[in-house]
């Protein structure tokens, strides 16, 4: 997710592309012809996450700041992974990252995934609670795996 090699699909690559071509993400597209209450909500969302100066387009400074923070937070973990996990470097100089280092990277990635999924997929358009389309309580009354299937799974002869 933090590889800057242009041959990879990573969050770094996404942020660099968004910084380079912010006009591809417009407020008009994001709001996209919905009714007024939802349009107002989407307008506020776009302003908050991607266009704080209200220019009508994604602000490249948002991507630049997110990219800098991601690179800073992930430096120790990325360096270790590049030297010890992905490659076999002869002279290893990276320290083992702490669980706190790893957790910080993962937490930040989750924040960015939420933010950019919202901006690029317009996930704010979804309204209401999900509707379960089947009688979900059935799982408590019917066996998922039949006893004979379970026996073959446990002894390794089943699929």
C-alpha atoms as a PDB file:
ATOM      1  CA  UNK A   1       0.000   0.000   0.000  1.00  0.00           C
ATOM      2  CA  UNK A   2       2.937   2.360   0.458  1.00  0.00           C
ATOM      3  CA  UNK A   3       5.118   1.278  -2.463  1.00  0.00           C
ATOM      4  CA  UNK A   4       6.102   4.228  -4.640  1.00  0.00           C
ATOM      5  CA  UNK A   5       7.200   2.122  -7.607  1.00  0.00           C
ATOM      6  CA  UNK A   6       5.058   3.150 -10.579  1.00  0.00           C
ATOM      7  CA  UNK A   7       4.697  -0.511 -11.581  1.00  0.00           C
ATOM      8  CA  UNK A   8       2.570  -1.185  -8.523  1.00  0.00           C
ATOM      9  CA  UNK A   9      -0.982  -0.355  -7.586  1.00  0.00           C
ATOM     10  CA  UNK A  10      -0.655   1.287  -4.204  1.00  0.00           C
ATOM     11  CA  UNK A  11      -2.110   4.026  -2.092  1.00  0.00           C
ATOM     12  CA  UNK A  12       0.987   6.091  -2.769  1.00  0.00           C
ATOM     13  CA  UNK A  13       0.345   5.765  -6.509  1.00  0.00           C
ATOM     14  CA  UNK A  14      -3.302   6.750  -6.080  1.00  0.00           C
ATOM     15  CA  UNK A  15      -2.443   9.835  -4.047  1.00  0.00           C
ATOM     16  CA  UNK A  16       0.262  10.875  -6.512  1.00  0.00           C
ATOM     17  CA  UNK A  17      -2.185  10.576  -9.417  1.00  0.00           C
ATOM     18  CA  UNK A  18      -4.856  12.522  -7.558  1.00  0.00           C
ATOM     19  CA  UNK A  19      -2.355  15.244  -6.747  1.00  0.00           C
ATOM     20  CA  UNK A  20      -1.281  15.426 -10.403  1.00  0.00           C
ATOM     21  CA  UNK A  21      -4.804  15.515 -11.871  1.00  0.00           C
ATOM     22  CA  UNK A  22      -7.191  16.986  -9.271  1.00  0.00           C
ATOM     23  CA  UNK A  23      -9.606  18.243 -11.946  1.00  0.00           C
ATOM     24  CA  UNK A  24     -10.700  14.652 -12.584  1.00  0.00           C
ATOM     25  CA  UNK A  25     -12.617  14.711  -9.300  1.00  0.00           C
ATOM     26  CA  UNK A  26     -15.143  17.528  -9.371  1.00  0.00           C
ATOM     27  CA  UNK A  27     -17.788  18.604  -6.895  1.00  0.00           C
ATOM     28  CA  UNK A  28     -20.349  18.449  -9.726  1.00  0.00           C
ATOM     29  CA  UNK A  29     -19.550  14.789 -10.432  1.00  0.00           C
ATOM     30  CA  UNK A  30     -19.496  13.930  -6.733  1.00  0.00           C
ATOM     31  CA  UNK A  31     -22.961  15.395  -6.121  1.00  0.00           C
ATOM     32  CA  UNK A  32     -24.243  14.123  -9.455  1.00  0.00           C
ATOM     33  CA  UNK A  33     -27.905  15.149  -9.732  1.00  0.00           C
ATOM     34  CA  UNK A  34     -29.376  13.919  -6.466  1.00  0.00           C
ATOM     35  CA  UNK A  35     -32.287  15.573  -4.677  1.00  0.00           C
ATOM     36  CA  UNK A  36     -31.655  18.638  -2.516  1.00  0.00           C
ATOM     37  CA  UNK A  37     -31.264  17.178   1.001  1.00  0.00           C
ATOM     38  CA  UNK A  38     -28.771  14.574  -0.233  1.00  0.00           C
ATOM     39  CA  UNK A  39     -27.046  17.133  -2.511  1.00  0.00           C
ATOM     40  CA  UNK A  40     -26.443  19.406   0.474  1.00  0.00           C
ATOM     41  CA  UNK A  41     -25.009  16.527   2.479  1.00  0.00           C
ATOM     42  CA  UNK A  42     -22.741  15.464  -0.390  1.00  0.00           C
ATOM     43  CA  UNK A  43     -21.639  19.061  -0.897  1.00  0.00           C
ATOM     44  CA  UNK A  44     -20.570  19.293   2.751  1.00  0.00           C
ATOM     45  CA  UNK A  45     -18.826  15.919   2.517  1.00  0.00           C
ATOM     46  CA  UNK A  46     -16.888  16.942  -0.594  1.00  0.00           C
ATOM     47  CA  UNK A  47     -15.843  20.195   1.063  1.00  0.00           C
ATOM     48  CA  UNK A  48     -14.726  18.442   4.248  1.00  0.00           C
ATOM     49  CA  UNK A  49     -12.735  15.628   2.633  1.00  0.00           C
ATOM     50  CA  UNK A  50     -11.537  16.946  -0.690  1.00  0.00           C
ATOM     51  CA  UNK A  51     -12.180  20.625  -1.387  1.00  0.00           C
ATOM     52  CA  UNK A  52     -11.749  22.767   1.734  1.00  0.00           C
ATOM     53  CA  UNK A  53     -11.168  25.907  -0.389  1.00  0.00           C
ATOM     54  CA  UNK A  54     -14.381  25.205  -2.340  1.00  0.00           C
ATOM     55  CA  UNK A  55     -12.829  25.523  -5.790  1.00  0.00           C
ATOM     56  CA  UNK A  56     -15.187  22.939  -7.262  1.00  0.00           C
ATOM     57  CA  UNK A  57     -12.440  20.343  -7.680  1.00  0.00           C
ATOM     58  CA  UNK A  58     -10.403  18.076  -5.473  1.00  0.00           C
ATOM     59  CA  UNK A  59      -7.648  20.064  -3.793  1.00  0.00           C
ATOM     60  CA  UNK A  60      -4.222  18.566  -4.664  1.00  0.00           C
ATOM     61  CA  UNK A  61      -2.913  19.797  -1.312  1.00  0.00           C
ATOM     62  CA  UNK A  62      -5.210  17.269   0.401  1.00  0.00           C
ATOM     63  CA  UNK A  63      -3.545  14.400  -1.477  1.00  0.00           C
ATOM     64  CA  UNK A  64      -0.077  15.871  -0.880  1.00  0.00           C
ATOM     65  CA  UNK A  65      -0.656  16.113   2.890  1.00  0.00           C
ATOM     66  CA  UNK A  66      -2.136  12.604   3.057  1.00  0.00           C
ATOM     67  CA  UNK A  67       0.804  11.258   1.062  1.00  0.00           C
ATOM     68  CA  UNK A  68       3.417  12.954   3.252  1.00  0.00           C
ATOM     69  CA  UNK A  69       1.775  11.661   6.416  1.00  0.00           C
ATOM     70  CA  UNK A  70       1.475   8.139   5.016  1.00  0.00           C
ATOM     71  CA  UNK A  71       5.140   8.082   3.989  1.00  0.00           C
ATOM     72  CA  UNK A  72       6.233   9.470   7.358  1.00  0.00           C
ATOM     73  CA  UNK A  73       4.152   7.042   9.412  1.00  0.00           C
ATOM     74  CA  UNK A  74       5.102   4.004   7.337  1.00  0.00           C
ATOM     75  CA  UNK A  75       8.840   4.695   7.012  1.00  0.00           C
ATOM     76  CA  UNK A  76      10.074   2.224   9.663  1.00  0.00           C
ATOM     77  CA  UNK A  77       7.714  -0.559   8.613  1.00  0.00           C
ATOM     78  CA  UNK A  78       8.368  -0.077   4.910  1.00  0.00           C
ATOM     79  CA  UNK A  79      12.125  -0.038   5.370  1.00  0.00           C
ATOM     80  CA  UNK A  80      12.036  -3.270   7.390  1.00  0.00           C
ATOM     81  CA  UNK A  81       9.723  -5.003   4.904  1.00  0.00           C
ATOM     82  CA  UNK A  82      11.888  -3.983   1.957  1.00  0.00           C
ATOM     83  CA  UNK A  83      15.049  -5.310   3.613  1.00  0.00           C
ATOM     84  CA  UNK A  84      13.804  -8.386   5.461  1.00  0.00           C
ATOM     85  CA  UNK A  85      10.540  -9.552   3.927  1.00  0.00           C
ATOM     86  CA  UNK A  86      10.264  -8.576   0.257  1.00  0.00           C
ATOM     87  CA  UNK A  87      13.983  -8.727  -0.516  1.00  0.00           C
ATOM     88  CA  UNK A  88      17.014 -10.394   0.916  1.00  0.00           C
ATOM     89  CA  UNK A  89      19.355  -7.504   1.438  1.00  0.00           C
ATOM     90  CA  UNK A  90      22.908  -8.583   2.237  1.00  0.00           C
ATOM     91  CA  UNK A  91      23.525  -5.830   4.745  1.00  0.00           C
ATOM     92  CA  UNK A  92      20.410  -5.241   6.732  1.00  0.00           C
ATOM     93  CA  UNK A  93      20.158  -1.948   8.524  1.00  0.00           C
ATOM     94  CA  UNK A  94      16.458  -1.694   9.334  1.00  0.00           C
ATOM     95  CA  UNK A  95      15.265  -2.159  12.882  1.00  0.00           C
ATOM     96  CA  UNK A  96      12.298  -4.377  13.580  1.00  0.00           C
ATOM     97  CA  UNK A  97       9.242  -2.118  13.756  1.00  0.00           C
ATOM     98  CA  UNK A  98       7.230  -2.146  16.949  1.00  0.00           C
ATOM     99  CA  UNK A  99       3.629  -3.243  17.120  1.00  0.00           C
ATOM    100  CA  UNK A 100       2.868   0.437  17.673  1.00  0.00           C
ATOM    101  CA  UNK A 101       4.586   1.296  14.376  1.00  0.00           C
ATOM    102  CA  UNK A 102       2.570  -1.329  12.528  1.00  0.00           C
ATOM    103  CA  UNK A 103      -0.658  -0.319  14.240  1.00  0.00           C
ATOM    104  CA  UNK A 104      -0.107   3.354  13.354  1.00  0.00           C
ATOM    105  CA  UNK A 105       0.338   2.483   9.675  1.00  0.00           C
ATOM    106  CA  UNK A 106      -2.727   0.242   9.597  1.00  0.00           C
ATOM    107  CA  UNK A 107      -4.873   2.787  11.459  1.00  0.00           C
ATOM    108  CA  UNK A 108      -3.830   5.541   9.089  1.00  0.00           C
ATOM    109  CA  UNK A 109      -4.449   3.349   6.048  1.00  0.00           C
ATOM    110  CA  UNK A 110      -7.964   2.608   7.311  1.00  0.00           C
ATOM    111  CA  UNK A 111      -8.655   6.330   7.631  1.00  0.00           C
ATOM    112  CA  UNK A 112      -7.367   6.940   4.106  1.00  0.00           C
ATOM    113  CA  UNK A 113      -9.296   3.988   2.679  1.00  0.00           C
ATOM    114  CA  UNK A 114     -12.510   5.356   4.176  1.00  0.00           C
ATOM    115  CA  UNK A 115     -11.817   8.878   2.942  1.00  0.00           C
ATOM    116  CA  UNK A 116     -10.867   7.981  -0.624  1.00  0.00           C
ATOM    117  CA  UNK A 117     -13.530   5.300  -0.990  1.00  0.00           C
ATOM    118  CA  UNK A 118     -16.023   7.941  -0.001  1.00  0.00           C
ATOM    119  CA  UNK A 119     -14.596  10.443  -2.512  1.00  0.00           C
ATOM    120  CA  UNK A 120     -14.079   8.062  -5.431  1.00  0.00           C
ATOM    121  CA  UNK A 121     -17.105   5.812  -5.041  1.00  0.00           C
ATOM    122  CA  UNK A 122     -19.513   8.338  -3.569  1.00  0.00           C
ATOM    123  CA  UNK A 123     -20.307   5.953  -0.729  1.00  0.00           C
ATOM    124  CA  UNK A 124     -22.185   8.731   1.112  1.00  0.00           C
ATOM    125  CA  UNK A 125     -25.044   8.192  -1.334  1.00  0.00           C
ATOM    126  CA  UNK A 126     -26.080   5.017   0.451  1.00  0.00           C
ATOM    127  CA  UNK A 127     -28.922   5.787   2.813  1.00  0.00           C
ATOM    128  CA  UNK A 128     -30.658   3.802   5.488  1.00  0.00           C
ATOM    129  CA  UNK A 129     -29.887   0.586   7.236  1.00  0.00           C
ATOM    130  CA  UNK A 130     -29.131  -2.513   5.177  1.00  0.00           C
ATOM    131  CA  UNK A 131     -32.132  -4.709   4.504  1.00  0.00           C
ATOM    132  CA  UNK A 132     -31.615  -8.414   5.044  1.00  0.00           C
ATOM    133  CA  UNK A 133     -33.266 -10.191   2.133  1.00  0.00           C
ATOM    134  CA  UNK A 134     -33.704 -13.620   3.653  1.00  0.00           C
ATOM    135  CA  UNK A 135     -34.850 -15.172   6.916  1.00  0.00           C
ATOM    136  CA  UNK A 136     -31.469 -14.853   8.625  1.00  0.00           C
ATOM    137  CA  UNK A 137     -32.620 -16.638  11.794  1.00  0.00           C
ATOM    138  CA  UNK A 138     -32.584 -19.862   9.742  1.00  0.00           C
ATOM    139  CA  UNK A 139     -28.892 -20.278  10.586  1.00  0.00           C
ATOM    140  CA  UNK A 140     -29.909 -21.026  14.159  1.00  0.00           C
ATOM    141  CA  UNK A 141     -32.410 -23.705  13.171  1.00  0.00           C
ATOM    142  CA  UNK A 142     -30.693 -25.526  10.284  1.00  0.00           C
ATOM    143  CA  UNK A 143     -27.320 -27.207  10.229  1.00  0.00           C
ATOM    144  CA  UNK A 144     -24.830 -25.471   7.990  1.00  0.00           C
ATOM    145  CA  UNK A 145     -22.666 -28.569   7.615  1.00  0.00           C
ATOM    146  CA  UNK A 146     -24.272 -31.966   7.826  1.00  0.00           C
ATOM    147  CA  UNK A 147     -22.704 -34.390  10.355  1.00  0.00           C
ATOM    148  CA  UNK A 148     -21.347 -36.695   7.619  1.00  0.00           C
ATOM    149  CA  UNK A 149     -19.744 -33.713   5.840  1.00  0.00           C
ATOM    150  CA  UNK A 150     -18.172 -32.535   9.093  1.00  0.00           C
ATOM    151  CA  UNK A 151     -16.660 -35.971   9.732  1.00  0.00           C
ATOM    152  CA  UNK A 152     -15.017 -36.039   6.278  1.00  0.00           C
ATOM    153  CA  UNK A 153     -13.664 -32.515   6.755  1.00  0.00           C
ATOM    154  CA  UNK A 154     -12.201 -33.385  10.149  1.00  0.00           C
ATOM    155  CA  UNK A 155     -10.485 -36.543   8.899  1.00  0.00           C
ATOM    156  CA  UNK A 156      -9.172 -34.793   5.777  1.00  0.00           C
ATOM    157  CA  UNK A 157     -11.071 -36.820   3.200  1.00  0.00           C
ATOM    158  CA  UNK A 158     -13.701 -34.181   2.428  1.00  0.00           C
ATOM    159  CA  UNK A 159     -13.607 -31.030   0.403  1.00  0.00           C
END
